[in-house]
């Protein structure tokens, strides 16, 4: 399809302060920061058919989730499913600030949890507190962010995708699409995983890539920044975003700016699969966040009760990357609607 036809086709398709308080409130009485709290725990207990009869254990899941980022709802859903099966009391807390995230891990240590699962978006800020957890005899596993750092920090296991490899795969996909000029939108500066994604794209993409930093906690600002960039540079033919909500916003920016650019992204949600079906998003790289949450919690149960290590403590357990596009989105949509993809 030539560019003008494609353009016609496109025209038819159309917090840190709160977390500090949450850190102080983190207890093992069932409280957790973010949505859900005790209600979410009770819901997980209610789905406990086939629950393990091993002694009750408590696991803290501490992520760098930003408010409103639906990706983490999928991670948490997987973690809750594993907790219900394994007779685990799950305490969830999150903050995008690395300093606050470290405080949340420290709170979990102080409460003497049986295990900690943590994301390593900014690993240097978590190095000392992870060492304290190990010194206290608490096993720690990583998930989602930090595949290049988990062993250096002494974590037992890691569950996620290699972000550099995923970026390289996307760069090759852009070459296949005939793209020439791309912009890679980073919604959180300093996040090692996001940087690795864009670096991976640049490594294999034969065209040019420019990084565009936006404030991912302010979606109107994200939209205006991308719109302005596309209006300024009409040569951009692909916008690469690093999360599903940002892809959906970028599609709006493409329309409003009059750009002919396509949109590709990392990560899925149910709205994103719909956008792929109707054509406003070309494809997504899926890292299976449900599986990351599930395996992180299940691995701690396996370690405590069986002495098992997934990956033998030497290799990460990779949950992606996998591409979702029009050729296979129909098979994925139902699972995305249930919150498991």
Foldseek 3Di string as FASTA:
>chain_A
DDLVVLLVLLVVQDPPVVQLVQLVVFALPQAAPDPQTNVVLVVLLVVQVQADPDDEFEEEEEEADDPPACLVVLLVVLLSNLCSRHNYRYHYYHHNDLLSSLSSLLSCVVNVGQEYEYEPQPPVSNLVSLVVCVVSVHAYEYEDHDQVNCVVSPHQAYEWADLLVQLLVVLVVCVVVVAAEEEEEDQDPSRVSSVSNQVSNCVNHPHYYHYHYFNNNDLVRLLVSLLVVCLVDLSHAEYEYEGQVSQNSNLVSCVVSVHSHAYEYEADALVSLVSLQSPSHAKYWHQFSSVRSNCRNNQSSCCVPPVDGVVSSPHHHGSDGDMDHNVCSVVCNVVNVVSRD
